[in-house]
N, C-alpha and C. Protein backbone atom coordinates (compact mmCIF):
# COMPACT_ATOMS: atom_id res chain seq x y z
N MET A 1 0.65 -1.01 -0.19
CA MET A 1 0.04 -0.11 0.15
C MET A 1 0.87 1.15 0.37
N PHE A 2 1.95 1.25 1.14
CA PHE A 2 2.71 1.94 0.94
C PHE A 2 3.68 2.62 -0.50
N GLN A 3 3.75 1.58 -1.36
CA GLN A 3 4.33 2.14 -2.59
C GLN A 3 3.11 2.26 -3.33
N LYS A 4 1.98 1.74 -3.52
CA LYS A 4 1.33 2.23 -4.24
C LYS A 4 1.17 4.06 -4.09
N LEU A 5 0.49 4.66 -2.85
CA LEU A 5 0.85 5.51 -2.18
C LEU A 5 1.91 6.69 -2.96
N LEU A 6 2.55 6.40 -2.44
CA LEU A 6 4.09 7.26 -3.25
C LEU A 6 4.36 7.01 -4.67
N LEU A 7 3.78 5.88 -5.21
CA LEU A 7 4.14 6.39 -6.76
C LEU A 7 3.20 6.73 -6.94
N LEU A 8 1.71 6.76 -6.36
CA LEU A 8 0.39 7.66 -7.03
C LEU A 8 0.91 8.97 -7.01
N GLN A 9 1.59 9.59 -5.63
CA GLN A 9 1.95 11.02 -5.31
C GLN A 9 3.10 11.43 -6.37
N GLN A 10 3.95 10.83 -6.72
CA GLN A 10 4.92 11.16 -7.63
C GLN A 10 4.38 11.23 -8.71
N PHE A 11 3.71 10.05 -9.36
CA PHE A 11 2.56 10.24 -10.74
C PHE A 11 2.27 12.00 -10.33
N GLU A 12 1.07 12.25 -9.88
CA GLU A 12 0.77 12.91 -9.98
C GLU A 12 1.36 14.17 -10.03
N ARG A 13 2.48 14.17 -9.36
CA ARG A 13 3.19 15.94 -9.39
C ARG A 13 4.06 15.82 -10.44
N TYR A 14 4.74 14.67 -11.32
CA TYR A 14 4.72 14.72 -12.63
C TYR A 14 4.34 15.22 -13.55
N MET A 15 2.87 14.82 -13.73
CA MET A 15 1.96 14.97 -14.28
C MET A 15 1.30 16.86 -14.57
N GLU A 16 1.62 16.82 -12.98
CA GLU A 16 0.78 18.56 -12.94
C GLU A 16 1.95 19.34 -13.31
N SER A 17 3.07 18.60 -13.35
CA SER A 17 4.61 19.88 -13.36
C SER A 17 4.22 19.96 -15.17
N ASN A 18 3.97 18.98 -15.80
CA ASN A 18 4.02 18.78 -17.22
C ASN A 18 2.77 18.57 -17.98
N ASP A 19 1.68 19.58 -17.18
CA ASP A 19 0.12 19.97 -17.72
C ASP A 19 0.82 20.93 -19.13
N VAL A 20 -0.16 19.65 -20.21
CA VAL A 20 0.36 20.81 -21.10
C VAL A 20 -0.28 22.53 -21.15
N LYS A 21 -1.05 22.89 -20.33
CA LYS A 21 -1.82 24.71 -20.15
C LYS A 21 -0.86 24.72 -19.79
N LYS A 22 0.09 24.63 -18.64
CA LYS A 22 1.31 25.34 -18.13
C LYS A 22 2.52 25.04 -18.73
N GLY A 23 2.54 24.71 -20.32
CA GLY A 23 3.86 24.53 -21.26
C GLY A 23 4.24 23.52 -20.77
N GLY A 24 3.93 22.66 -19.90
CA GLY A 24 4.43 21.16 -20.33
C GLY A 24 4.35 20.32 -21.31
N SER A 25 4.82 19.13 -21.60
CA SER A 25 4.90 18.24 -22.60
C SER A 25 3.89 17.03 -22.70
N PHE A 26 2.88 17.16 -23.30
CA PHE A 26 1.76 15.99 -23.64
C PHE A 26 2.82 14.28 -23.66
N TYR A 27 3.57 14.44 -24.37
CA TYR A 27 4.28 13.89 -24.85
C TYR A 27 5.20 13.15 -23.64
N LEU A 28 5.82 13.51 -22.54
CA LEU A 28 5.73 13.45 -21.30
C LEU A 28 4.90 13.00 -20.31
N GLN A 29 4.13 13.34 -20.40
CA GLN A 29 2.80 13.04 -19.46
C GLN A 29 2.48 11.58 -20.36
N SER A 30 2.54 11.01 -21.39
CA SER A 30 2.22 10.01 -22.12
C SER A 30 2.78 8.90 -21.68
N LYS A 31 4.49 9.27 -20.88
CA LYS A 31 5.11 8.54 -20.78
C LYS A 31 5.47 8.20 -19.52
N PHE A 32 5.10 9.01 -18.39
CA PHE A 32 4.93 8.82 -16.91
C PHE A 32 3.24 8.27 -16.70
N TYR A 33 2.67 8.51 -17.46
CA TYR A 33 0.86 7.42 -17.82
C TYR A 33 1.33 6.21 -17.52
N ARG A 34 2.29 5.86 -18.92
CA ARG A 34 2.40 4.25 -18.80
C ARG A 34 3.34 4.01 -17.81
N ALA A 35 4.38 4.56 -17.73
CA ALA A 35 5.29 3.90 -16.40
C ALA A 35 4.39 3.66 -15.16
N ASN A 36 3.61 4.62 -14.99
CA ASN A 36 2.74 4.47 -13.54
C ASN A 36 1.67 3.28 -14.14
N GLU A 37 1.46 3.12 -15.05
CA GLU A 37 0.49 1.77 -15.31
C GLU A 37 1.52 0.69 -15.32
N LEU A 38 2.59 0.69 -15.49
CA LEU A 38 2.89 -0.83 -15.66
C LEU A 38 3.96 -1.00 -14.03
N LEU A 39 3.90 0.48 -13.77
CA LEU A 39 4.81 0.11 -12.20
C LEU A 39 3.29 -0.56 -10.84
N MET A 40 2.33 0.12 -11.26
CA MET A 40 1.18 -0.22 -10.45
C MET A 40 1.11 -1.66 -10.89
N GLU A 41 1.10 -2.23 -12.00
CA GLU A 41 0.67 -3.69 -12.56
C GLU A 41 1.74 -4.38 -11.76
N TYR A 42 3.21 -4.46 -11.83
CA TYR A 42 3.94 -4.80 -11.53
C TYR A 42 4.00 -4.72 -9.60
N ILE A 43 3.62 -4.14 -8.69
CA ILE A 43 3.32 -3.63 -7.53
C ILE A 43 2.00 -4.85 -7.23
N GLU A 44 0.97 -5.08 -7.87
CA GLU A 44 -0.12 -5.83 -7.56
C GLU A 44 0.60 -7.32 -7.94
N GLU A 45 1.22 -7.70 -8.71
CA GLU A 45 1.51 -8.98 -9.13
C GLU A 45 2.61 -9.50 -8.18
N GLU A 46 3.73 -8.32 -7.49
CA GLU A 46 4.29 -8.77 -6.19
C GLU A 46 3.76 -8.94 -5.24
N GLN A 47 2.60 -8.37 -5.18
CA GLN A 47 1.50 -8.66 -3.73
C GLN A 47 1.27 -9.94 -4.05
N LYS A 48 0.71 -10.33 -5.09
CA LYS A 48 -0.29 -11.56 -4.98
C LYS A 48 1.23 -12.83 -4.92
N LYS A 49 2.08 -12.76 -5.69
CA LYS A 49 2.90 -13.66 -5.16
C LYS A 49 3.68 -13.70 -3.77
N ALA A 50 3.39 -12.62 -2.99
CA ALA A 50 3.96 -12.58 -1.44
C ALA A 50 2.65 -13.35 -0.93
N GLY A 51 1.31 -13.01 -1.13
CA GLY A 51 0.58 -13.64 -0.50
C GLY A 51 -0.41 -12.47 0.34
N THR A 52 -0.38 -11.37 -0.37
CA THR A 52 -0.89 -9.93 0.48
C THR A 52 -2.16 -9.95 -0.50
N THR A 53 -2.81 -9.10 0.42
CA THR A 53 -4.12 -8.79 -0.05
C THR A 53 -4.90 -7.61 0.38
N ALA A 54 -5.25 -7.04 -1.03
CA ALA A 54 -5.48 -5.29 -0.97
C ALA A 54 -4.63 -4.47 -0.57
N GLY A 55 -3.23 -4.75 -1.24
CA GLY A 55 -2.13 -3.48 -0.78
C GLY A 55 -1.61 -3.78 0.47
N VAL A 56 -2.11 -4.73 1.46
CA VAL A 56 -1.63 -4.88 2.86
C VAL A 56 -0.47 -5.59 2.98
N PRO A 57 0.61 -5.29 3.27
CA PRO A 57 1.83 -6.16 3.30
C PRO A 57 1.83 -7.54 4.35
N PRO A 58 2.04 -8.50 4.36
CA PRO A 58 1.90 -9.35 5.24
C PRO A 58 2.47 -9.18 6.60
N LYS A 59 1.85 -9.62 7.86
CA LYS A 59 1.99 -9.30 8.77
C LYS A 59 3.61 -10.10 9.24
N ARG A 60 4.66 -8.97 9.96
CA ARG A 60 5.83 -9.16 10.39
C ARG A 60 5.83 -10.20 11.44
N GLN A 61 6.53 -11.34 11.65
CA GLN A 61 6.64 -12.33 12.54
C GLN A 61 6.66 -11.63 14.10
N ASP A 62 7.39 -10.66 13.99
CA ASP A 62 7.92 -9.92 15.05
C ASP A 62 7.18 -8.78 15.34
N ALA A 63 6.07 -8.34 14.83
CA ALA A 63 5.38 -7.40 14.87
C ALA A 63 4.36 -7.63 16.18
N ASP A 64 3.87 -8.88 16.42
CA ASP A 64 3.42 -8.81 18.32
C ASP A 64 4.46 -8.75 18.95
N GLU A 65 5.80 -9.00 19.06
CA GLU A 65 7.08 -8.63 19.83
C GLU A 65 6.97 -6.79 19.87
N ASP A 66 6.54 -6.46 18.88
CA ASP A 66 6.79 -4.97 19.02
C ASP A 66 5.27 -4.26 19.87
N ASN A 67 4.37 -4.67 19.03
CA ASN A 67 3.09 -4.21 19.83
C ASN A 67 3.18 -4.66 21.46
N ASN A 68 3.83 -5.90 22.13
CA ASN A 68 3.47 -5.97 23.11
C ASN A 68 4.47 -4.99 24.24
N THR A 69 5.48 -4.57 23.41
CA THR A 69 6.77 -3.76 23.78
C THR A 69 5.79 -1.87 23.92
N SER A 70 5.64 -1.78 22.78
CA SER A 70 4.79 -0.77 22.73
C SER A 70 3.39 -0.39 24.10
N GLU A 71 2.96 -1.41 24.09
CA GLU A 71 1.57 -1.84 25.20
C GLU A 71 2.10 -1.41 26.66
N SER A 72 3.53 -1.96 26.76
CA SER A 72 3.93 -2.07 27.93
C SER A 72 4.43 -0.88 28.26
N ALA A 73 5.08 -0.01 27.01
CA ALA A 73 5.62 1.71 27.11
C ALA A 73 4.43 2.24 27.53
N GLN A 74 3.23 2.25 27.19
CA GLN A 74 2.40 2.73 27.24
C GLN A 74 1.88 2.62 28.58
N SER A 75 1.61 1.66 29.02
CA SER A 75 1.00 1.44 30.21
C SER A 75 2.29 2.19 31.49
N THR A 76 3.29 1.79 31.36
CA THR A 76 4.31 2.24 32.21
C THR A 76 3.93 4.10 32.25
N THR A 77 3.59 4.42 30.92
CA THR A 77 3.50 6.27 30.99
C THR A 77 2.03 6.34 31.98
N ASP A 78 1.23 5.53 31.46
CA ASP A 78 0.06 5.69 32.16
C ASP A 78 0.24 5.90 33.33
N GLN A 79 0.74 4.90 34.10
CA GLN A 79 1.37 4.49 35.58
C GLN A 79 1.99 6.27 35.93
N GLN A 80 3.21 6.25 35.42
CA GLN A 80 4.11 7.85 35.70
C GLN A 80 2.97 8.57 35.59
N GLN A 81 2.04 9.10 35.08
CA GLN A 81 0.79 10.27 34.50
C GLN A 81 0.53 10.37 36.27
N GLN A 82 -0.36 9.08 36.29
CA GLN A 82 -1.42 8.86 37.23
C GLN A 82 -0.83 9.07 38.98
N GLN A 83 0.56 8.48 39.09
CA GLN A 83 1.44 8.93 40.16
C GLN A 83 1.55 10.11 40.41
N SER A 84 1.80 10.91 39.21
CA SER A 84 2.58 12.31 39.01
C SER A 84 1.07 13.23 39.63
N LYS A 85 0.32 12.93 39.77
CA LYS A 85 -1.47 13.07 40.04
C LYS A 85 -1.10 14.08 41.14
């Protein structure tokens, strides 16, 4: 998903900067458009190979550990705030 978002943002930036009404190049816009199409297809294919769905990357195995660490850090912060009151 992140890759698609970055790609879309960059694509829009290039298309806007080469807007024909602003003196840009229609030729370059067409090249950006085709490149965007190919890259989007490539990203979708890679996600299918990796077993991801709807543009969401597969869950990391150590993600649970990260969540537990952040939850315990949050509870520690909450306890400290309550004690300071």
